[in-house]
Amino acid sequence: MKKISSQKILELAQAYTKKGVSWHHHFLPPSCLFNKEKKFVLLLENDDTSDTYIMVSDKKPALVLKKLEVLFFRKK
């Protein structure tokens, strides 16, 4: 798992979508049992290579999450 910025997560998702790479994302609030960071977490997973990228934030990344969801549902 590689820690990256919110901008890099968006860039990767855009590149994956453009190239037809299968990917998905997860959002984990601090209260999530699976969240070891205890902050807001966005995960981006490349389904083809199993690479996982993580973004950790003190604030809810609402705009980044919204953009990821638009990209995700656009690729369907």
PDB file of N, CA and C in Angstrom:
ATOM      1  N   MET A   1       0.847  -1.172   0.000  1.00  0.00           N
ATOM      2  CA  MET A   1       0.000   0.000   0.000  1.00  0.00           C
ATOM      3  C   MET A   1       0.893   1.237   0.000  1.00  0.00           C
ATOM      4  N   LYS A   2       0.592   2.149  -0.922  1.00  0.00           N
ATOM      5  CA  LYS A   2       1.405   3.352  -1.058  1.00  0.00           C
ATOM      6  C   LYS A   2       0.591   4.581  -0.674  1.00  0.00           C
ATOM      7  N   LYS A   3       1.131   5.409   0.232  1.00  0.00           N
ATOM      8  CA  LYS A   3       0.461   6.657   0.598  1.00  0.00           C
ATOM      9  C   LYS A   3       0.723   7.703  -0.477  1.00  0.00           C
ATOM     10  N   ILE A   4      -0.368   8.330  -0.944  1.00  0.00           N
ATOM     11  CA  ILE A   4      -0.256   9.365  -1.963  1.00  0.00           C
ATOM     12  C   ILE A   4      -1.237  10.489  -1.660  1.00  0.00           C
ATOM     13  N   SER A   5      -1.132  11.574  -2.403  1.00  0.00           N
ATOM     14  CA  SER A   5      -1.996  12.741  -2.208  1.00  0.00           C
ATOM     15  C   SER A   5      -3.349  12.535  -2.891  1.00  0.00           C
ATOM     16  N   SER A   6      -4.298  13.381  -2.530  1.00  0.00           N
ATOM     17  CA  SER A   6      -5.616  13.322  -3.161  1.00  0.00           C
ATOM     18  C   SER A   6      -5.515  13.620  -4.654  1.00  0.00           C
ATOM     19  N   GLN A   7      -4.642  14.544  -5.027  1.00  0.00           N
ATOM     20  CA  GLN A   7      -4.450  14.871  -6.445  1.00  0.00           C
ATOM     21  C   GLN A   7      -3.930  13.659  -7.208  1.00  0.00           C
ATOM     22  N   LYS A   8      -2.998  12.930  -6.615  1.00  0.00           N
ATOM     23  CA  LYS A   8      -2.426  11.752  -7.275  1.00  0.00           C
ATOM     24  C   LYS A   8      -3.473  10.642  -7.405  1.00  0.00           C
ATOM     25  N   ILE A   9      -4.342  10.489  -6.402  1.00  0.00           N
ATOM     26  CA  ILE A   9      -5.420   9.490  -6.504  1.00  0.00           C
ATOM     27  C   ILE A   9      -6.318   9.815  -7.689  1.00  0.00           C
ATOM     28  N   LEU A  10      -6.681  11.082  -7.837  1.00  0.00           N
ATOM     29  CA  LEU A  10      -7.527  11.487  -8.966  1.00  0.00           C
ATOM     30  C   LEU A  10      -6.819  11.262 -10.299  1.00  0.00           C
ATOM     31  N   GLU A  11      -5.543  11.600 -10.359  1.00  0.00           N
ATOM     32  CA  GLU A  11      -4.780  11.399 -11.593  1.00  0.00           C
ATOM     33  C   GLU A  11      -4.714   9.917 -11.971  1.00  0.00           C
ATOM     34  N   LEU A  12      -4.483   9.062 -10.980  1.00  0.00           N
ATOM     35  CA  LEU A  12      -4.432   7.626 -11.249  1.00  0.00           C
ATOM     36  C   LEU A  12      -5.789   7.107 -11.725  1.00  0.00           C
ATOM     37  N   ALA A  13      -6.857   7.508 -11.055  1.00  0.00           N
ATOM     38  CA  ALA A  13      -8.196   7.065 -11.445  1.00  0.00           C
ATOM     39  C   ALA A  13      -8.525   7.522 -12.870  1.00  0.00           C
ATOM     40  N   GLN A  14      -8.148   8.746 -13.207  1.00  0.00           N
ATOM     41  CA  GLN A  14      -8.375   9.245 -14.561  1.00  0.00           C
ATOM     42  C   GLN A  14      -7.570   8.441 -15.578  1.00  0.00           C
ATOM     43  N   ALA A  15      -6.318   8.169 -15.267  1.00  0.00           N
ATOM     44  CA  ALA A  15      -5.467   7.396 -16.177  1.00  0.00           C
ATOM     45  C   ALA A  15      -5.987   5.969 -16.331  1.00  0.00           C
ATOM     46  N   TYR A  16      -6.379   5.354 -15.229  1.00  0.00           N
ATOM     47  CA  TYR A  16      -6.930   3.997 -15.289  1.00  0.00           C
ATOM     48  C   TYR A  16      -8.187   3.964 -16.150  1.00  0.00           C
ATOM     49  N   THR A  17      -9.058   4.942 -15.953  1.00  0.00           N
ATOM     50  CA  THR A  17     -10.303   4.996 -16.715  1.00  0.00           C
ATOM     51  C   THR A  17     -10.004   5.158 -18.200  1.00  0.00           C
ATOM     52  N   LYS A  18      -9.084   6.041 -18.523  1.00  0.00           N
ATOM     53  CA  LYS A  18      -8.727   6.301 -19.921  1.00  0.00           C
ATOM     54  C   LYS A  18      -8.135   5.053 -20.587  1.00  0.00           C
ATOM     55  N   LYS A  19      -7.331   4.290 -19.827  1.00  0.00           N
ATOM     56  CA  LYS A  19      -6.671   3.098 -20.366  1.00  0.00           C
ATOM     57  C   LYS A  19      -7.535   1.836 -20.276  1.00  0.00           C
ATOM     58  N   GLY A  20      -8.697   1.938 -19.632  1.00  0.00           N
ATOM     59  CA  GLY A  20      -9.563   0.769 -19.490  1.00  0.00           C
ATOM     60  C   GLY A  20      -9.140  -0.190 -18.393  1.00  0.00           C
ATOM     61  N   VAL A  21      -8.321   0.298 -17.462  1.00  0.00           N
ATOM     62  CA  VAL A  21      -7.880  -0.513 -16.329  1.00  0.00           C
ATOM     63  C   VAL A  21      -9.031  -0.640 -15.335  1.00  0.00           C
ATOM     64  N   SER A  22      -9.251  -1.838 -14.843  1.00  0.00           N
ATOM     65  CA  SER A  22     -10.296  -2.058 -13.849  1.00  0.00           C
ATOM     66  C   SER A  22      -9.809  -1.557 -12.483  1.00  0.00           C
ATOM     67  N   TRP A  23     -10.609  -0.715 -11.830  1.00  0.00           N
ATOM     68  CA  TRP A  23     -10.239  -0.160 -10.536  1.00  0.00           C
ATOM     69  C   TRP A  23     -11.502   0.081  -9.712  1.00  0.00           C
ATOM     70  N   HIS A  24     -11.312   0.255  -8.430  1.00  0.00           N
ATOM     71  CA  HIS A  24     -12.404   0.640  -7.533  1.00  0.00           C
ATOM     72  C   HIS A  24     -11.806   1.405  -6.356  1.00  0.00           C
ATOM     73  N   HIS A  25     -12.681   1.986  -5.559  1.00  0.00           N
ATOM     74  CA  HIS A  25     -12.213   2.771  -4.408  1.00  0.00           C
ATOM     75  C   HIS A  25     -13.063   2.471  -3.185  1.00  0.00           C
ATOM     76  N   HIS A  26     -12.515   2.828  -2.035  1.00  0.00           N
ATOM     77  CA  HIS A  26     -13.200   2.692  -0.747  1.00  0.00           C
ATOM     78  C   HIS A  26     -13.016   3.991   0.024  1.00  0.00           C
ATOM     79  N   PHE A  27     -14.022   4.349   0.777  1.00  0.00           N
ATOM     80  CA  PHE A  27     -13.929   5.480   1.697  1.00  0.00           C
ATOM     81  C   PHE A  27     -14.134   4.949   3.101  1.00  0.00           C
ATOM     82  N   LEU A  28     -13.210   5.259   3.993  1.00  0.00           N
ATOM     83  CA  LEU A  28     -13.307   4.811   5.375  1.00  0.00           C
ATOM     84  C   LEU A  28     -13.282   6.018   6.310  1.00  0.00           C
ATOM     85  N   PRO A  29     -14.389   6.275   7.001  1.00  0.00           N
ATOM     86  CA  PRO A  29     -14.376   7.354   7.988  1.00  0.00           C
ATOM     87  C   PRO A  29     -13.575   6.907   9.221  1.00  0.00           C
ATOM     88  N   PRO A  30     -13.222   7.830  10.080  1.00  0.00           N
ATOM     89  CA  PRO A  30     -12.438   7.469  11.270  1.00  0.00           C
ATOM     90  C   PRO A  30     -13.111   6.405  12.141  1.00  0.00           C
ATOM     91  N   SER A  31     -14.425   6.339  12.123  1.00  0.00           N
ATOM     92  CA  SER A  31     -15.147   5.383  12.967  1.00  0.00           C
ATOM     93  C   SER A  31     -15.201   3.968  12.389  1.00  0.00           C
ATOM     94  N   CYS A  32     -14.730   3.762  11.170  1.00  0.00           N
ATOM     95  CA  CYS A  32     -14.779   2.451  10.525  1.00  0.00           C
ATOM     96  C   CYS A  32     -13.863   1.451  11.243  1.00  0.00           C
ATOM     97  N   LEU A  33     -14.371   0.261  11.475  1.00  0.00           N
ATOM     98  CA  LEU A  33     -13.582  -0.771  12.155  1.00  0.00           C
ATOM     99  C   LEU A  33     -12.342  -1.182  11.364  1.00  0.00           C
ATOM    100  N   PHE A  34     -12.378  -1.026  10.050  1.00  0.00           N
ATOM    101  CA  PHE A  34     -11.260  -1.423   9.202  1.00  0.00           C
ATOM    102  C   PHE A  34     -10.222  -0.310   9.012  1.00  0.00           C
ATOM    103  N   ASN A  35     -10.510   0.857   9.570  1.00  0.00           N
ATOM    104  CA  ASN A  35      -9.641   2.017   9.420  1.00  0.00           C
ATOM    105  C   ASN A  35      -8.623   2.072  10.559  1.00  0.00           C
ATOM    106  N   LYS A  36      -7.398   1.717  10.260  1.00  0.00           N
ATOM    107  CA  LYS A  36      -6.337   1.727  11.279  1.00  0.00           C
ATOM    108  C   LYS A  36      -5.733   3.110  11.469  1.00  0.00           C
ATOM    109  N   GLU A  37      -5.984   4.010  10.526  1.00  0.00           N
ATOM    110  CA  GLU A  37      -5.424   5.360  10.591  1.00  0.00           C
ATOM    111  C   GLU A  37      -6.177   6.258  11.572  1.00  0.00           C
ATOM    112  N   LYS A  38      -7.457   5.983  11.769  1.00  0.00           N
ATOM    113  CA  LYS A  38      -8.346   6.779  12.635  1.00  0.00           C
ATOM    114  C   LYS A  38      -8.479   8.225  12.151  1.00  0.00           C
ATOM    115  N   LYS A  39      -8.304   8.405  10.855  1.00  0.00           N
ATOM    116  CA  LYS A  39      -8.568   9.659  10.161  1.00  0.00           C
ATOM    117  C   LYS A  39      -9.426   9.281   8.956  1.00  0.00           C
ATOM    118  N   PHE A  40      -9.727  10.228   8.091  1.00  0.00           N
ATOM    119  CA  PHE A  40     -10.465   9.910   6.874  1.00  0.00           C
ATOM    120  C   PHE A  40      -9.504   9.269   5.871  1.00  0.00           C
ATOM    121  N   VAL A  41      -9.951   8.182   5.258  1.00  0.00           N
ATOM    122  CA  VAL A  41      -9.100   7.436   4.349  1.00  0.00           C
ATOM    123  C   VAL A  41      -9.829   7.172   3.030  1.00  0.00           C
ATOM    124  N   LEU A  42      -9.123   7.384   1.936  1.00  0.00           N
ATOM    125  CA  LEU A  42      -9.582   6.973   0.607  1.00  0.00           C
ATOM    126  C   LEU A  42      -8.584   5.947   0.094  1.00  0.00           C
ATOM    127  N   LEU A  43      -9.101   4.828  -0.392  1.00  0.00           N
ATOM    128  CA  LEU A  43      -8.269   3.801  -0.989  1.00  0.00           C
ATOM    129  C   LEU A  43      -8.608   3.695  -2.461  1.00  0.00           C
ATOM    130  N   LEU A  44      -7.607   3.572  -3.290  1.00  0.00           N
ATOM    131  CA  LEU A  44      -7.786   3.327  -4.719  1.00  0.00           C
ATOM    132  C   LEU A  44      -7.070   2.025  -5.018  1.00  0.00           C
ATOM    133  N   GLU A  45      -7.813   1.070  -5.599  1.00  0.00           N
ATOM    134  CA  GLU A  45      -7.240  -0.237  -5.883  1.00  0.00           C
ATOM    135  C   GLU A  45      -7.288  -0.535  -7.374  1.00  0.00           C
ATOM    136  N   ASN A  46      -6.145  -0.929  -7.913  1.00  0.00           N
ATOM    137  CA  ASN A  46      -6.028  -1.368  -9.297  1.00  0.00           C
ATOM    138  C   ASN A  46      -6.353  -2.857  -9.304  1.00  0.00           C
ATOM    139  N   ASP A  47      -7.470  -3.230  -9.912  1.00  0.00           N
ATOM    140  CA  ASP A  47      -7.900  -4.633  -9.906  1.00  0.00           C
ATOM    141  C   ASP A  47      -7.009  -5.521 -10.772  1.00  0.00           C
ATOM    142  N   ASP A  48      -6.333  -4.941 -11.742  1.00  0.00           N
ATOM    143  CA  ASP A  48      -5.482  -5.723 -12.634  1.00  0.00           C
ATOM    144  C   ASP A  48      -4.152  -6.106 -11.985  1.00  0.00           C
ATOM    145  N   THR A  49      -3.581  -5.199 -11.198  1.00  0.00           N
ATOM    146  CA  THR A  49      -2.262  -5.440 -10.599  1.00  0.00           C
ATOM    147  C   THR A  49      -2.313  -5.641  -9.083  1.00  0.00           C
ATOM    148  N   SER A  50      -3.469  -5.390  -8.485  1.00  0.00           N
ATOM    149  CA  SER A  50      -3.655  -5.445  -7.024  1.00  0.00           C
ATOM    150  C   SER A  50      -2.895  -4.350  -6.283  1.00  0.00           C
ATOM    151  N   ASP A  51      -2.409  -3.330  -6.993  1.00  0.00           N
ATOM    152  CA  ASP A  51      -1.773  -2.186  -6.337  1.00  0.00           C
ATOM    153  C   ASP A  51      -2.833  -1.406  -5.578  1.00  0.00           C
ATOM    154  N   THR A  52      -2.484  -0.955  -4.381  1.00  0.00           N
ATOM    155  CA  THR A  52      -3.396  -0.187  -3.547  1.00  0.00           C
ATOM    156  C   THR A  52      -2.737   1.113  -3.133  1.00  0.00           C
ATOM    157  N   TYR A  53      -3.480   2.197  -3.263  1.00  0.00           N
ATOM    158  CA  TYR A  53      -3.002   3.529  -2.910  1.00  0.00           C
ATOM    159  C   TYR A  53      -3.919   4.094  -1.830  1.00  0.00           C
ATOM    160  N   ILE A  54      -3.334   4.790  -0.877  1.00  0.00           N
ATOM    161  CA  ILE A  54      -4.098   5.310   0.255  1.00  0.00           C
ATOM    162  C   ILE A  54      -3.841   6.805   0.419  1.00  0.00           C
ATOM    163  N   MET A  55      -4.911   7.526   0.689  1.00  0.00           N
ATOM    164  CA  MET A  55      -4.832   8.941   1.007  1.00  0.00           C
ATOM    165  C   MET A  55      -5.438   9.122   2.397  1.00  0.00           C
ATOM    166  N   VAL A  56      -4.729   9.762   3.287  1.00  0.00           N
ATOM    167  CA  VAL A  56      -5.183   9.977   4.660  1.00  0.00           C
ATOM    168  C   VAL A  56      -5.360  11.477   4.887  1.00  0.00           C
ATOM    169  N   SER A  57      -6.489  11.839   5.522  1.00  0.00           N
ATOM    170  CA  SER A  57      -6.780  13.260   5.719  1.00  0.00           C
ATOM    171  C   SER A  57      -7.467  13.497   7.068  1.00  0.00           C
ATOM    172  N   ASP A  58      -7.219  14.673   7.627  1.00  0.00           N
ATOM    173  CA  ASP A  58      -7.913  15.070   8.856  1.00  0.00           C
ATOM    174  C   ASP A  58      -9.357  15.484   8.572  1.00  0.00           C
ATOM    175  N   LYS A  59      -9.611  15.899   7.338  1.00  0.00           N
ATOM    176  CA  LYS A  59     -10.946  16.352   6.944  1.00  0.00           C
ATOM    177  C   LYS A  59     -11.540  15.388   5.922  1.00  0.00           C
ATOM    178  N   LYS A  60     -12.857  15.301   5.907  1.00  0.00           N
ATOM    179  CA  LYS A  60     -13.536  14.443   4.935  1.00  0.00           C
ATOM    180  C   LYS A  60     -13.234  14.955   3.526  1.00  0.00           C
ATOM    181  N   PRO A  61     -12.696  14.098   2.654  1.00  0.00           N
ATOM    182  CA  PRO A  61     -12.347  14.515   1.293  1.00  0.00           C
ATOM    183  C   PRO A  61     -13.556  14.449   0.350  1.00  0.00           C
ATOM    184  N   ALA A  62     -14.573  15.219   0.664  1.00  0.00           N
ATOM    185  CA  ALA A  62     -15.844  15.137  -0.051  1.00  0.00           C
ATOM    186  C   ALA A  62     -15.709  15.396  -1.547  1.00  0.00           C
ATOM    187  N   LEU A  63     -14.967  16.414  -1.931  1.00  0.00           N
ATOM    188  CA  LEU A  63     -14.827  16.750  -3.348  1.00  0.00           C
ATOM    189  C   LEU A  63     -14.068  15.656  -4.107  1.00  0.00           C
ATOM    190  N   VAL A  64     -13.008  15.145  -3.519  1.00  0.00           N
ATOM    191  CA  VAL A  64     -12.228  14.076  -4.147  1.00  0.00           C
ATOM    192  C   VAL A  64     -13.090  12.822  -4.282  1.00  0.00           C
ATOM    193  N   LEU A  65     -13.830  12.499  -3.246  1.00  0.00           N
ATOM    194  CA  LEU A  65     -14.709  11.339  -3.274  1.00  0.00           C
ATOM    195  C   LEU A  65     -15.771  11.473  -4.362  1.00  0.00           C
ATOM    196  N   LYS A  66     -16.352  12.654  -4.478  1.00  0.00           N
ATOM    197  CA  LYS A  66     -17.363  12.901  -5.503  1.00  0.00           C
ATOM    198  C   LYS A  66     -16.777  12.713  -6.903  1.00  0.00           C
ATOM    199  N   LYS A  67     -15.577  13.242  -7.125  1.00  0.00           N
ATOM    200  CA  LYS A  67     -14.927  13.105  -8.430  1.00  0.00           C
ATOM    201  C   LYS A  67     -14.591  11.644  -8.736  1.00  0.00           C
ATOM    202  N   LEU A  68     -14.152  10.894  -7.719  1.00  0.00           N
ATOM    203  CA  LEU A  68     -13.871   9.472  -7.909  1.00  0.00           C
ATOM    204  C   LEU A  68     -15.141   8.710  -8.283  1.00  0.00           C
ATOM    205  N   GLU A  69     -16.237   9.025  -7.616  1.00  0.00           N
ATOM    206  CA  GLU A  69     -17.485   8.335  -7.912  1.00  0.00           C
ATOM    207  C   GLU A  69     -17.977   8.645  -9.317  1.00  0.00           C
ATOM    208  N   VAL A  70     -17.826   9.888  -9.770  1.00  0.00           N
ATOM    209  CA  VAL A  70     -18.197  10.237 -11.152  1.00  0.00           C
ATOM    210  C   VAL A  70     -17.356   9.421 -12.129  1.00  0.00           C
ATOM    211  N   LEU A  71     -16.041   9.369 -11.895  1.00  0.00           N
ATOM    212  CA  LEU A  71     -15.160   8.578 -12.765  1.00  0.00           C
ATOM    213  C   LEU A  71     -15.525   7.094 -12.734  1.00  0.00           C
ATOM    214  N   PHE A  72     -15.788   6.585 -11.555  1.00  0.00           N
ATOM    215  CA  PHE A  72     -16.089   5.158 -11.400  1.00  0.00           C
ATOM    216  C   PHE A  72     -17.351   4.776 -12.178  1.00  0.00           C
ATOM    217  N   PHE A  73     -18.405   5.553 -12.018  1.00  0.00           N
ATOM    218  CA  PHE A  73     -19.659   5.200 -12.677  1.00  0.00           C
ATOM    219  C   PHE A  73     -19.640   5.548 -14.166  1.00  0.00           C
ATOM    220  N   ARG A  74     -18.771   6.420 -14.572  1.00  0.00           N
ATOM    221  CA  ARG A  74     -18.623   6.749 -15.991  1.00  0.00           C
ATOM    222  C   ARG A  74     -17.981   5.595 -16.757  1.00  0.00           C
ATOM    223  N   LYS A  75     -17.132   4.819 -16.073  1.00  0.00           N
ATOM    224  CA  LYS A  75     -16.415   3.742 -16.741  1.00  0.00           C
ATOM    225  C   LYS A  75     -17.281   2.525 -17.003  1.00  0.00           C
ATOM    226  N   LYS A  76     -18.454   2.454 -16.426  1.00  0.00           N
ATOM    227  CA  LYS A  76     -19.342   1.289 -16.579  1.00  0.00           C
ATOM    228  C   LYS A  76     -19.954   1.238 -17.952  1.00  0.00           C
TER     229      LYS A  76
END
